[in-house]
Amino acid sequence: MSDDTKVPLPNLDGNEMEQVDSGSLAPSDDTESINRGAADLEAVFDVPVQVSAVLGRARMDVGDLLRMGPGAVLELDRKVGEAIDIYVNNRLVARGEVVLVEEKLGVTMTEIIKADR
């Protein structure tokens, strides 16, 4: 990276991003700080993540699983209409509902789960 490259760093006091010279890592004065949007996250747009929508869970013996055939019904631990869990990289991040979009199943998020760290 060249010394004149600006690197956005989070301002922990608010929702603004401050421009910092990559060589000095000294924050610029407040007049140069501006609100940032999703475009500032462009560097992470291509990072792959695994998204899973869990309709429900069931526990069974391997023998019972092998005896299942086409048309068999597997009873899950959820009721019809109950929210499904949405995981990103095996971490629960939201709950949602199953929707049908042009003959394909989809998920719409109805609740974002805040992580306790």
PDB file of N, CA and C in Angstrom:
ATOM      1  N   MET A   1       0.833  -1.175   0.000  1.00  0.00           N
ATOM      2  CA  MET A   1       0.000   0.000   0.000  1.00  0.00           C
ATOM      3  C   MET A   1       0.871   1.229   0.000  1.00  0.00           C
ATOM      4  N   SER A   2       0.490   2.264  -0.713  1.00  0.00           N
ATOM      5  CA  SER A   2       1.256   3.496  -0.715  1.00  0.00           C
ATOM      6  C   SER A   2       0.881   4.328   0.498  1.00  0.00           C
ATOM      7  N   ASP A   3       1.750   5.293   0.857  1.00  0.00           N
ATOM      8  CA  ASP A   3       1.526   6.120   2.037  1.00  0.00           C
ATOM      9  C   ASP A   3       0.331   7.042   1.886  1.00  0.00           C
ATOM     10  N   ASP A   4      -0.078   7.362   0.636  1.00  0.00           N
ATOM     11  CA  ASP A   4      -1.196   8.288   0.445  1.00  0.00           C
ATOM     12  C   ASP A   4      -2.551   7.575   0.417  1.00  0.00           C
ATOM     13  N   THR A   5      -2.560   6.263   0.611  1.00  0.00           N
ATOM     14  CA  THR A   5      -3.811   5.505   0.625  1.00  0.00           C
ATOM     15  C   THR A   5      -4.538   5.755   1.939  1.00  0.00           C
ATOM     16  N   LYS A   6      -5.838   6.052   1.854  1.00  0.00           N
ATOM     17  CA  LYS A   6      -6.652   6.260   3.047  1.00  0.00           C
ATOM     18  C   LYS A   6      -7.351   4.959   3.402  1.00  0.00           C
ATOM     19  N   VAL A   7      -7.357   4.612   4.679  1.00  0.00           N
ATOM     20  CA  VAL A   7      -7.981   3.397   5.174  1.00  0.00           C
ATOM     21  C   VAL A   7      -9.108   3.790   6.109  1.00  0.00           C
ATOM     22  N   PRO A   8     -10.365   3.369   5.844  1.00  0.00           N
ATOM     23  CA  PRO A   8     -11.437   3.726   6.772  1.00  0.00           C
ATOM     24  C   PRO A   8     -11.356   2.886   8.037  1.00  0.00           C
ATOM     25  N   LEU A   9     -11.390   3.566   9.182  1.00  0.00           N
ATOM     26  CA  LEU A   9     -11.394   2.895  10.475  1.00  0.00           C
ATOM     27  C   LEU A   9     -12.633   3.330  11.241  1.00  0.00           C
ATOM     28  N   PRO A  10     -13.210   2.433  12.027  1.00  0.00           N
ATOM     29  CA  PRO A  10     -14.425   2.808  12.751  1.00  0.00           C
ATOM     30  C   PRO A  10     -14.140   3.810  13.855  1.00  0.00           C
ATOM     31  N   ASN A  11     -15.049   4.762  14.020  1.00  0.00           N
ATOM     32  CA  ASN A  11     -15.008   5.683  15.134  1.00  0.00           C
ATOM     33  C   ASN A  11     -15.859   5.049  16.223  1.00  0.00           C
ATOM     34  N   LEU A  12     -15.247   4.595  17.297  1.00  0.00           N
ATOM     35  CA  LEU A  12     -15.961   3.845  18.322  1.00  0.00           C
ATOM     36  C   LEU A  12     -16.879   4.720  19.158  1.00  0.00           C
ATOM     37  N   ASP A  13     -16.793   6.050  18.998  1.00  0.00           N
ATOM     38  CA  ASP A  13     -17.658   6.950  19.756  1.00  0.00           C
ATOM     39  C   ASP A  13     -19.013   7.149  19.091  1.00  0.00           C
ATOM     40  N   GLY A  14     -19.156   6.771  17.830  1.00  0.00           N
ATOM     41  CA  GLY A  14     -20.406   6.999  17.120  1.00  0.00           C
ATOM     42  C   GLY A  14     -20.528   6.107  15.922  1.00  0.00           C
ATOM     43  N   ASN A  15     -21.360   6.504  14.971  1.00  0.00           N
ATOM     44  CA  ASN A  15     -21.601   5.706  13.779  1.00  0.00           C
ATOM     45  C   ASN A  15     -20.802   6.200  12.582  1.00  0.00           C
ATOM     46  N   GLU A  16     -19.830   7.055  12.804  1.00  0.00           N
ATOM     47  CA  GLU A  16     -19.066   7.605  11.702  1.00  0.00           C
ATOM     48  C   GLU A  16     -17.793   6.806  11.474  1.00  0.00           C
ATOM     49  N   MET A  17     -17.249   6.942  10.272  1.00  0.00           N
ATOM     50  CA  MET A  17     -15.966   6.334   9.948  1.00  0.00           C
ATOM     51  C   MET A  17     -14.973   7.473   9.763  1.00  0.00           C
ATOM     52  N   GLU A  18     -13.763   7.303  10.265  1.00  0.00           N
ATOM     53  CA  GLU A  18     -12.735   8.306  10.094  1.00  0.00           C
ATOM     54  C   GLU A  18     -11.737   7.829   9.058  1.00  0.00           C
ATOM     55  N   GLN A  19     -11.235   8.754   8.230  1.00  0.00           N
ATOM     56  CA  GLN A  19     -10.191   8.441   7.269  1.00  0.00           C
ATOM     57  C   GLN A  19      -8.849   8.522   7.981  1.00  0.00           C
ATOM     58  N   VAL A  20      -8.031   7.503   7.818  1.00  0.00           N
ATOM     59  CA  VAL A  20      -6.732   7.453   8.477  1.00  0.00           C
ATOM     60  C   VAL A  20      -5.681   7.135   7.437  1.00  0.00           C
ATOM     61  N   ASP A  21      -4.562   7.850   7.490  1.00  0.00           N
ATOM     62  CA  ASP A  21      -3.452   7.531   6.609  1.00  0.00           C
ATOM     63  C   ASP A  21      -2.928   6.163   6.994  1.00  0.00           C
ATOM     64  N   SER A  22      -2.762   5.288   6.011  1.00  0.00           N
ATOM     65  CA  SER A  22      -2.308   3.936   6.316  1.00  0.00           C
ATOM     66  C   SER A  22      -0.895   3.917   6.878  1.00  0.00           C
ATOM     67  N   GLY A  23      -0.086   4.931   6.578  1.00  0.00           N
ATOM     68  CA  GLY A  23       1.276   4.945   7.086  1.00  0.00           C
ATOM     69  C   GLY A  23       1.366   5.393   8.530  1.00  0.00           C
ATOM     70  N   SER A  24       0.536   6.355   8.938  1.00  0.00           N
ATOM     71  CA  SER A  24       0.677   6.909  10.288  1.00  0.00           C
ATOM     72  C   SER A  24      -0.348   6.383  11.275  1.00  0.00           C
ATOM     73  N   LEU A  25      -1.495   5.921  10.806  1.00  0.00           N
ATOM     74  CA  LEU A  25      -2.603   5.467  11.636  1.00  0.00           C
ATOM     75  C   LEU A  25      -3.064   6.528  12.629  1.00  0.00           C
ATOM     76  N   ALA A  26      -2.827   7.802  12.300  1.00  0.00           N
ATOM     77  CA  ALA A  26      -3.314   8.900  13.130  1.00  0.00           C
ATOM     78  C   ALA A  26      -4.652   9.369  12.573  1.00  0.00           C
ATOM     79  N   PRO A  27      -5.676   9.547  13.418  1.00  0.00           N
ATOM     80  CA  PRO A  27      -6.981   9.942  12.909  1.00  0.00           C
ATOM     81  C   PRO A  27      -6.960  11.355  12.361  1.00  0.00           C
ATOM     82  N   SER A  28      -7.744  11.589  11.295  1.00  0.00           N
ATOM     83  CA  SER A  28      -7.870  12.926  10.738  1.00  0.00           C
ATOM     84  C   SER A  28      -8.782  13.729  11.634  1.00  0.00           C
ATOM     85  N   ASP A  29      -8.825  15.069  11.427  1.00  0.00           N
ATOM     86  CA  ASP A  29      -9.690  15.855  12.311  1.00  0.00           C
ATOM     87  C   ASP A  29     -11.156  15.597  11.983  1.00  0.00           C
ATOM     88  N   ASP A  30     -12.030  15.966  12.895  1.00  0.00           N
ATOM     89  CA  ASP A  30     -13.449  15.636  12.801  1.00  0.00           C
ATOM     90  C   ASP A  30     -14.132  16.239  11.581  1.00  0.00           C
ATOM     91  N   THR A  31     -13.607  17.333  11.023  1.00  0.00           N
ATOM     92  CA  THR A  31     -14.256  17.952   9.870  1.00  0.00           C
ATOM     93  C   THR A  31     -14.158  17.073   8.631  1.00  0.00           C
ATOM     94  N   GLU A  32     -13.202  16.153   8.582  1.00  0.00           N
ATOM     95  CA  GLU A  32     -13.048  15.272   7.425  1.00  0.00           C
ATOM     96  C   GLU A  32     -13.863  13.989   7.560  1.00  0.00           C
ATOM     97  N   SER A  33     -14.403  13.738   8.764  1.00  0.00           N
ATOM     98  CA  SER A  33     -15.180  12.516   8.991  1.00  0.00           C
ATOM     99  C   SER A  33     -16.554  12.673   8.344  1.00  0.00           C
ATOM    100  N   ILE A  34     -16.995  11.613   7.678  1.00  0.00           N
ATOM    101  CA  ILE A  34     -18.316  11.621   7.056  1.00  0.00           C
ATOM    102  C   ILE A  34     -19.011  10.314   7.352  1.00  0.00           C
ATOM    103  N   ASN A  35     -20.334  10.310   7.252  1.00  0.00           N
ATOM    104  CA  ASN A  35     -21.081   9.077   7.444  1.00  0.00           C
ATOM    105  C   ASN A  35     -20.798   8.137   6.289  1.00  0.00           C
ATOM    106  N   ARG A  36     -20.693   6.869   6.591  1.00  0.00           N
ATOM    107  CA  ARG A  36     -20.390   5.860   5.591  1.00  0.00           C
ATOM    108  C   ARG A  36     -21.592   4.960   5.380  1.00  0.00           C
ATOM    109  N   GLY A  37     -21.684   4.367   4.211  1.00  0.00           N
ATOM    110  CA  GLY A  37     -22.776   3.451   3.896  1.00  0.00           C
ATOM    111  C   GLY A  37     -22.250   2.077   3.562  1.00  0.00           C
ATOM    112  N   ALA A  38     -23.097   1.285   2.952  1.00  0.00           N
ATOM    113  CA  ALA A  38     -22.734  -0.086   2.594  1.00  0.00           C
ATOM    114  C   ALA A  38     -21.589  -0.127   1.588  1.00  0.00           C
ATOM    115  N   ALA A  39     -21.404   0.916   0.819  1.00  0.00           N
ATOM    116  CA  ALA A  39     -20.326   0.934  -0.173  1.00  0.00           C
ATOM    117  C   ALA A  39     -18.955   0.815   0.483  1.00  0.00           C
ATOM    118  N   ASP A  40     -18.824   1.259   1.727  1.00  0.00           N
ATOM    119  CA  ASP A  40     -17.551   1.168   2.428  1.00  0.00           C
ATOM    120  C   ASP A  40     -17.216  -0.251   2.831  1.00  0.00           C
ATOM    121  N   LEU A  41     -18.182  -1.144   2.770  1.00  0.00           N
ATOM    122  CA  LEU A  41     -17.949  -2.551   3.102  1.00  0.00           C
ATOM    123  C   LEU A  41     -17.607  -3.368   1.858  1.00  0.00           C
ATOM    124  N   GLU A  42     -17.370  -2.703   0.760  1.00  0.00           N
ATOM    125  CA  GLU A  42     -17.134  -3.380  -0.512  1.00  0.00           C
ATOM    126  C   GLU A  42     -16.018  -4.415  -0.441  1.00  0.00           C
ATOM    127  N   ALA A  43     -15.048  -4.218   0.425  1.00  0.00           N
ATOM    128  CA  ALA A  43     -13.926  -5.157   0.544  1.00  0.00           C
ATOM    129  C   ALA A  43     -14.380  -6.530   1.025  1.00  0.00           C
ATOM    130  N   VAL A  44     -15.485  -6.609   1.747  1.00  0.00           N
ATOM    131  CA  VAL A  44     -15.946  -7.898   2.269  1.00  0.00           C
ATOM    132  C   VAL A  44     -17.098  -8.490   1.465  1.00  0.00           C
ATOM    133  N   PHE A  45     -17.535  -7.824   0.412  1.00  0.00           N
ATOM    134  CA  PHE A  45     -18.660  -8.314  -0.383  1.00  0.00           C
ATOM    135  C   PHE A  45     -18.394  -9.681  -0.999  1.00  0.00           C
ATOM    136  N   ASP A  46     -17.150 -10.015  -1.308  1.00  0.00           N
ATOM    137  CA  ASP A  46     -16.823 -11.279  -1.956  1.00  0.00           C
ATOM    138  C   ASP A  46     -16.406 -12.370  -0.975  1.00  0.00           C
ATOM    139  N   VAL A  47     -16.502 -12.119   0.326  1.00  0.00           N
ATOM    140  CA  VAL A  47     -16.144 -13.132   1.321  1.00  0.00           C
ATOM    141  C   VAL A  47     -17.285 -14.151   1.395  1.00  0.00           C
ATOM    142  N   PRO A  48     -16.985 -15.429   1.132  1.00  0.00           N
ATOM    143  CA  PRO A  48     -18.054 -16.435   1.154  1.00  0.00           C
ATOM    144  C   PRO A  48     -18.478 -16.772   2.574  1.00  0.00           C
ATOM    145  N   VAL A  49     -19.777 -16.957   2.750  1.00  0.00           N
ATOM    146  CA  VAL A  49     -20.328 -17.390   4.035  1.00  0.00           C
ATOM    147  C   VAL A  49     -21.313 -18.517   3.767  1.00  0.00           C
ATOM    148  N   GLN A  50     -21.527 -19.351   4.763  1.00  0.00           N
ATOM    149  CA  GLN A  50     -22.491 -20.442   4.648  1.00  0.00           C
ATOM    150  C   GLN A  50     -23.762 -20.015   5.373  1.00  0.00           C
ATOM    151  N   VAL A  51     -24.880 -20.003   4.645  1.00  0.00           N
ATOM    152  CA  VAL A  51     -26.165 -19.622   5.215  1.00  0.00           C
ATOM    153  C   VAL A  51     -27.048 -20.861   5.264  1.00  0.00           C
ATOM    154  N   SER A  52     -27.626 -21.135   6.437  1.00  0.00           N
ATOM    155  CA  SER A  52     -28.504 -22.288   6.620  1.00  0.00           C
ATOM    156  C   SER A  52     -29.825 -21.814   7.208  1.00  0.00           C
ATOM    157  N   ALA A  53     -30.913 -22.324   6.664  1.00  0.00           N
ATOM    158  CA  ALA A  53     -32.242 -22.061   7.214  1.00  0.00           C
ATOM    159  C   ALA A  53     -32.759 -23.395   7.753  1.00  0.00           C
ATOM    160  N   VAL A  54     -32.919 -23.478   9.064  1.00  0.00           N
ATOM    161  CA  VAL A  54     -33.289 -24.732   9.709  1.00  0.00           C
ATOM    162  C   VAL A  54     -34.790 -24.748   9.951  1.00  0.00           C
ATOM    163  N   LEU A  55     -35.476 -25.639   9.236  1.00  0.00           N
ATOM    164  CA  LEU A  55     -36.922 -25.783   9.386  1.00  0.00           C
ATOM    165  C   LEU A  55     -37.277 -26.470  10.693  1.00  0.00           C
ATOM    166  N   GLY A  56     -36.425 -27.357  11.145  1.00  0.00           N
ATOM    167  CA  GLY A  56     -36.652 -28.107  12.369  1.00  0.00           C
ATOM    168  C   GLY A  56     -35.621 -29.205  12.484  1.00  0.00           C
ATOM    169  N   ARG A  57     -35.683 -29.936  13.575  1.00  0.00           N
ATOM    170  CA  ARG A  57     -34.726 -31.010  13.814  1.00  0.00           C
ATOM    171  C   ARG A  57     -35.466 -32.263  14.242  1.00  0.00           C
ATOM    172  N   ALA A  58     -34.838 -33.398  13.982  1.00  0.00           N
ATOM    173  CA  ALA A  58     -35.382 -34.686  14.414  1.00  0.00           C
ATOM    174  C   ALA A  58     -34.214 -35.562  14.836  1.00  0.00           C
ATOM    175  N   ARG A  59     -34.463 -36.443  15.781  1.00  0.00           N
ATOM    176  CA  ARG A  59     -33.432 -37.362  16.244  1.00  0.00           C
ATOM    177  C   ARG A  59     -33.950 -38.778  16.014  1.00  0.00           C
ATOM    178  N   MET A  60     -33.122 -39.598  15.378  1.00  0.00           N
ATOM    179  CA  MET A  60     -33.534 -40.975  15.109  1.00  0.00           C
ATOM    180  C   MET A  60     -32.320 -41.873  14.980  1.00  0.00           C
ATOM    181  N   ASP A  61     -32.544 -43.151  15.093  1.00  0.00           N
ATOM    182  CA  ASP A  61     -31.475 -44.128  14.923  1.00  0.00           C
ATOM    183  C   ASP A  61     -31.159 -44.281  13.443  1.00  0.00           C
ATOM    184  N   VAL A  62     -29.931 -44.665  13.137  1.00  0.00           N
ATOM    185  CA  VAL A  62     -29.511 -44.862  11.742  1.00  0.00           C
ATOM    186  C   VAL A  62     -30.381 -45.925  11.071  1.00  0.00           C
ATOM    187  N   GLY A  63     -30.724 -46.971  11.795  1.00  0.00           N
ATOM    188  CA  GLY A  63     -31.575 -48.024  11.227  1.00  0.00           C
ATOM    189  C   GLY A  63     -32.926 -47.493  10.774  1.00  0.00           C
ATOM    190  N   ASP A  64     -33.531 -46.597  11.590  1.00  0.00           N
ATOM    191  CA  ASP A  64     -34.807 -45.993  11.216  1.00  0.00           C
ATOM    192  C   ASP A  64     -34.646 -45.102   9.986  1.00  0.00           C
ATOM    193  N   LEU A  65     -33.552 -44.398   9.914  1.00  0.00           N
ATOM    194  CA  LEU A  65     -33.291 -43.530   8.764  1.00  0.00           C
ATOM    195  C   LEU A  65     -33.144 -44.353   7.489  1.00  0.00           C
ATOM    196  N   LEU A  66     -32.440 -45.482   7.569  1.00  0.00           N
ATOM    197  CA  LEU A  66     -32.231 -46.330   6.391  1.00  0.00           C
ATOM    198  C   LEU A  66     -33.526 -46.995   5.921  1.00  0.00           C
ATOM    199  N   ARG A  67     -34.478 -47.212   6.822  1.00  0.00           N
ATOM    200  CA  ARG A  67     -35.755 -47.819   6.443  1.00  0.00           C
ATOM    201  C   ARG A  67     -36.714 -46.822   5.788  1.00  0.00           C
ATOM    202  N   MET A  68     -36.401 -45.541   5.854  1.00  0.00           N
ATOM    203  CA  MET A  68     -37.278 -44.541   5.233  1.00  0.00           C
ATOM    204  C   MET A  68     -37.176 -44.649   3.714  1.00  0.00           C
ATOM    205  N   GLY A  69     -38.287 -44.435   3.056  1.00  0.00           N
ATOM    206  CA  GLY A  69     -38.309 -44.491   1.605  1.00  0.00           C
ATOM    207  C   GLY A  69     -39.002 -43.264   1.040  1.00  0.00           C
ATOM    208  N   PRO A  70     -39.170 -43.234  -0.261  1.00  0.00           N
ATOM    209  CA  PRO A  70     -39.859 -42.103  -0.894  1.00  0.00           C
ATOM    210  C   PRO A  70     -41.255 -41.934  -0.309  1.00  0.00           C
ATOM    211  N   GLY A  71     -41.613 -40.699  -0.011  1.00  0.00           N
ATOM    212  CA  GLY A  71     -42.929 -40.404   0.538  1.00  0.00           C
ATOM    213  C   GLY A  71     -43.006 -40.503   2.047  1.00  0.00           C
ATOM    214  N   ALA A  72     -41.935 -40.944   2.693  1.00  0.00           N
ATOM    215  CA  ALA A  72     -41.934 -41.041   4.151  1.00  0.00           C
ATOM    216  C   ALA A  72     -41.980 -39.638   4.747  1.00  0.00           C
ATOM    217  N   VAL A  73     -42.624 -39.510   5.885  1.00  0.00           N
ATOM    218  CA  VAL A  73     -42.745 -38.227   6.563  1.00  0.00           C
ATOM    219  C   VAL A  73     -41.847 -38.242   7.788  1.00  0.00           C
ATOM    220  N   LEU A  74     -41.032 -37.228   7.906  1.00  0.00           N
ATOM    221  CA  LEU A  74     -40.129 -37.086   9.037  1.00  0.00           C
ATOM    222  C   LEU A  74     -40.680 -35.979   9.928  1.00  0.00           C
ATOM    223  N   GLU A  75     -41.046 -36.326  11.150  1.00  0.00           N
ATOM    224  CA  GLU A  75     -41.620 -35.357  12.076  1.00  0.00           C
ATOM    225  C   GLU A  75     -40.509 -34.510  12.680  1.00  0.00           C
ATOM    226  N   LEU A  76     -40.661 -33.190  12.571  1.00  0.00           N
ATOM    227  CA  LEU A  76     -39.678 -32.253  13.098  1.00  0.00           C
ATOM    228  C   LEU A  76     -40.161 -31.676  14.423  1.00  0.00           C
ATOM    229  N   ASP A  77     -39.280 -30.974  15.105  1.00  0.00           N
ATOM    230  CA  ASP A  77     -39.610 -30.419  16.413  1.00  0.00           C
ATOM    231  C   ASP A  77     -40.277 -29.042  16.350  1.00  0.00           C
ATOM    232  N   ARG A  78     -40.746 -28.633  15.189  1.00  0.00           N
ATOM    233  CA  ARG A  78     -41.389 -27.333  15.014  1.00  0.00           C
ATOM    234  C   ARG A  78     -42.830 -27.513  14.566  1.00  0.00           C
ATOM    235  N   LYS A  79     -43.641 -26.519  14.871  1.00  0.00           N
ATOM    236  CA  LYS A  79     -45.031 -26.521  14.438  1.00  0.00           C
ATOM    237  C   LYS A  79     -45.167 -25.733  13.138  1.00  0.00           C
ATOM    238  N   VAL A  80     -46.215 -25.990  12.396  1.00  0.00           N
ATOM    239  CA  VAL A  80     -46.485 -25.251  11.166  1.00  0.00           C
ATOM    240  C   VAL A  80     -46.662 -23.773  11.521  1.00  0.00           C
ATOM    241  N   GLY A  81     -46.012 -22.903  10.778  1.00  0.00           N
ATOM    242  CA  GLY A  81     -46.118 -21.473  11.009  1.00  0.00           C
ATOM    243  C   GLY A  81     -45.123 -20.925  12.017  1.00  0.00           C
ATOM    244  N   GLU A  82     -44.419 -21.802  12.723  1.00  0.00           N
ATOM    245  CA  GLU A  82     -43.423 -21.356  13.690  1.00  0.00           C
ATOM    246  C   GLU A  82     -42.195 -20.831  12.941  1.00  0.00           C
ATOM    247  N   ALA A  83     -41.540 -19.828  13.512  1.00  0.00           N
ATOM    248  CA  ALA A  83     -40.363 -19.229  12.875  1.00  0.00           C
ATOM    249  C   ALA A  83     -39.248 -20.251  12.712  1.00  0.00           C
ATOM    250  N   ILE A  84     -38.497 -20.111  11.621  1.00  0.00           N
ATOM    251  CA  ILE A  84     -37.345 -20.980  11.392  1.00  0.00           C
ATOM    252  C   ILE A  84     -36.074 -20.227  11.788  1.00  0.00           C
ATOM    253  N   ASP A  85     -35.025 -20.968  12.107  1.00  0.00           N
ATOM    254  CA  ASP A  85     -33.755 -20.362  12.502  1.00  0.00           C
ATOM    255  C   ASP A  85     -32.874 -20.165  11.277  1.00  0.00           C
ATOM    256  N   ILE A  86     -32.220 -19.016  11.197  1.00  0.00           N
ATOM    257  CA  ILE A  86     -31.308 -18.704  10.100  1.00  0.00           C
ATOM    258  C   ILE A  86     -29.905 -18.575  10.697  1.00  0.00           C
ATOM    259  N   TYR A  87     -29.003 -19.403  10.202  1.00  0.00           N
ATOM    260  CA  TYR A  87     -27.625 -19.429  10.679  1.00  0.00           C
ATOM    261  C   TYR A  87     -26.694 -18.908   9.591  1.00  0.00           C
ATOM    262  N   VAL A  88     -25.676 -18.153   9.988  1.00  0.00           N
ATOM    263  CA  VAL A  88     -24.587 -17.753   9.094  1.00  0.00           C
ATOM    264  C   VAL A  88     -23.307 -18.273   9.728  1.00  0.00           C
ATOM    265  N   ASN A  89     -22.611 -19.128   8.993  1.00  0.00           N
ATOM    266  CA  ASN A  89     -21.393 -19.777   9.502  1.00  0.00           C
ATOM    267  C   ASN A  89     -21.652 -20.425  10.866  1.00  0.00           C
ATOM    268  N   ASN A  90     -22.735 -21.176  10.955  1.00  0.00           N
ATOM    269  CA  ASN A  90     -23.125 -21.925  12.148  1.00  0.00           C
ATOM    270  C   ASN A  90     -23.424 -21.057  13.366  1.00  0.00           C
ATOM    271  N   ARG A  91     -23.714 -19.784  13.150  1.00  0.00           N
ATOM    272  CA  ARG A  91     -24.098 -18.888  14.248  1.00  0.00           C
ATOM    273  C   ARG A  91     -25.510 -18.378  13.979  1.00  0.00           C
ATOM    274  N   LEU A  92     -26.393 -18.527  14.973  1.00  0.00           N
ATOM    275  CA  LEU A  92     -27.770 -18.059  14.833  1.00  0.00           C
ATOM    276  C   LEU A  92     -27.774 -16.544  14.710  1.00  0.00           C
ATOM    277  N   VAL A  93     -28.302 -16.025  13.587  1.00  0.00           N
ATOM    278  CA  VAL A  93     -28.313 -14.581  13.374  1.00  0.00           C
ATOM    279  C   VAL A  93     -29.720 -14.019  13.207  1.00  0.00           C
ATOM    280  N   ALA A  94     -30.694 -14.869  12.857  1.00  0.00           N
ATOM    281  CA  ALA A  94     -32.039 -14.351  12.615  1.00  0.00           C
ATOM    282  C   ALA A  94     -33.061 -15.470  12.683  1.00  0.00           C
ATOM    283  N   ARG A  95     -34.321 -15.062  12.722  1.00  0.00           N
ATOM    284  CA  ARG A  95     -35.438 -15.988  12.573  1.00  0.00           C
ATOM    285  C   ARG A  95     -36.263 -15.477  11.413  1.00  0.00           C
ATOM    286  N   GLY A  96     -36.980 -16.397  10.767  1.00  0.00           N
ATOM    287  CA  GLY A  96     -37.734 -15.977   9.598  1.00  0.00           C
ATOM    288  C   GLY A  96     -38.855 -16.918   9.254  1.00  0.00           C
ATOM    289  N   GLU A  97     -39.429 -16.686   8.085  1.00  0.00           N
ATOM    290  CA  GLU A  97     -40.532 -17.484   7.580  1.00  0.00           C
ATOM    291  C   GLU A  97     -40.194 -18.009   6.194  1.00  0.00           C
ATOM    292  N   VAL A  98     -40.721 -19.185   5.881  1.00  0.00           N
ATOM    293  CA  VAL A  98     -40.535 -19.766   4.556  1.00  0.00           C
ATOM    294  C   VAL A  98     -41.509 -19.085   3.604  1.00  0.00           C
ATOM    295  N   VAL A  99     -41.022 -18.713   2.422  1.00  0.00           N
ATOM    296  CA  VAL A  99     -41.863 -18.088   1.400  1.00  0.00           C
ATOM    297  C   VAL A  99     -41.662 -18.829   0.080  1.00  0.00           C
ATOM    298  N   LEU A 100     -42.613 -18.701  -0.804  1.00  0.00           N
ATOM    299  CA  LEU A 100     -42.533 -19.287  -2.135  1.00  0.00           C
ATOM    300  C   LEU A 100     -42.340 -18.161  -3.131  1.00  0.00           C
ATOM    301  N   VAL A 101     -41.226 -18.210  -3.886  1.00  0.00           N
ATOM    302  CA  VAL A 101     -40.909 -17.185  -4.866  1.00  0.00           C
ATOM    303  C   VAL A 101     -40.690 -17.863  -6.206  1.00  0.00           C
ATOM    304  N   GLU A 102     -41.587 -17.646  -7.135  1.00  0.00           N
ATOM    305  CA  GLU A 102     -41.493 -18.243  -8.469  1.00  0.00           C
ATOM    306  C   GLU A 102     -41.206 -19.742  -8.402  1.00  0.00           C
ATOM    307  N   GLU A 103     -42.010 -20.462  -7.664  1.00  0.00           N
ATOM    308  CA  GLU A 103     -41.924 -21.915  -7.513  1.00  0.00           C
ATOM    309  C   GLU A 103     -40.659 -22.400  -6.814  1.00  0.00           C
ATOM    310  N   LYS A 104     -39.955 -21.507  -6.133  1.00  0.00           N
ATOM    311  CA  LYS A 104     -38.775 -21.884  -5.354  1.00  0.00           C
ATOM    312  C   LYS A 104     -38.993 -21.454  -3.913  1.00  0.00           C
ATOM    313  N   LEU A 105     -38.477 -22.249  -2.982  1.00  0.00           N
ATOM    314  CA  LEU A 105     -38.573 -21.888  -1.575  1.00  0.00           C
ATOM    315  C   LEU A 105     -37.541 -20.817  -1.238  1.00  0.00           C
ATOM    316  N   GLY A 106     -37.929 -19.913  -0.396  1.00  0.00           N
ATOM    317  CA  GLY A 106     -37.035 -18.872   0.081  1.00  0.00           C
ATOM    318  C   GLY A 106     -37.304 -18.614   1.545  1.00  0.00           C
ATOM    319  N   VAL A 107     -36.550 -17.711   2.115  1.00  0.00           N
ATOM    320  CA  VAL A 107     -36.705 -17.358   3.521  1.00  0.00           C
ATOM    321  C   VAL A 107     -36.720 -15.841   3.629  1.00  0.00           C
ATOM    322  N   THR A 108     -37.647 -15.323   4.395  1.00  0.00           N
ATOM    323  CA  THR A 108     -37.660 -13.903   4.688  1.00  0.00           C
ATOM    324  C   THR A 108     -37.368 -13.718   6.166  1.00  0.00           C
ATOM    325  N   MET A 109     -36.437 -12.802   6.498  1.00  0.00           N
ATOM    326  CA  MET A 109     -36.070 -12.588   7.887  1.00  0.00           C
ATOM    327  C   MET A 109     -37.123 -11.732   8.567  1.00  0.00           C
ATOM    328  N   THR A 110     -37.563 -12.167   9.734  1.00  0.00           N
ATOM    329  CA  THR A 110     -38.558 -11.431  10.501  1.00  0.00           C
ATOM    330  C   THR A 110     -37.989 -10.882  11.811  1.00  0.00           C
ATOM    331  N   GLU A 111     -36.856 -11.424  12.239  1.00  0.00           N
ATOM    332  CA  GLU A 111     -36.266 -11.023  13.509  1.00  0.00           C
ATOM    333  C   GLU A 111     -34.753 -11.223  13.440  1.00  0.00           C
ATOM    334  N   ILE A 112     -33.995 -10.198  13.793  1.00  0.00           N
ATOM    335  CA  ILE A 112     -32.543 -10.282  13.862  1.00  0.00           C
ATOM    336  C   ILE A 112     -32.165 -10.621  15.305  1.00  0.00           C
ATOM    337  N   ILE A 113     -31.290 -11.601  15.482  1.00  0.00           N
ATOM    338  CA  ILE A 113     -30.856 -12.027  16.803  1.00  0.00           C
ATOM    339  C   ILE A 113     -29.546 -11.328  17.134  1.00  0.00           C
ATOM    340  N   LYS A 114     -29.535 -10.566  18.218  1.00  0.00           N
ATOM    341  CA  LYS A 114     -28.303  -9.909  18.645  1.00  0.00           C
ATOM    342  C   LYS A 114     -27.448 -10.904  19.409  1.00  0.00           C
ATOM    343  N   ALA A 115     -26.167 -10.951  19.069  1.00  0.00           N
ATOM    344  CA  ALA A 115     -25.239 -11.878  19.715  1.00  0.00           C
ATOM    345  C   ALA A 115     -24.731 -11.278  21.015  1.00  0.00           C
ATOM    346  N   ASP A 116     -24.761 -12.040  22.087  1.00  0.00           N
ATOM    347  CA  ASP A 116     -24.170 -11.627  23.351  1.00  0.00           C
ATOM    348  C   ASP A 116     -22.723 -12.066  23.350  1.00  0.00           C
ATOM    349  N   ARG A 117     -21.826 -11.111  23.448  1.00  0.00           N
ATOM    350  CA  ARG A 117     -20.406 -11.454  23.415  1.00  0.00           C
ATOM    351  C   ARG A 117     -19.787 -11.256  24.754  1.00  0.00           C
TER     352      ARG A 117
END
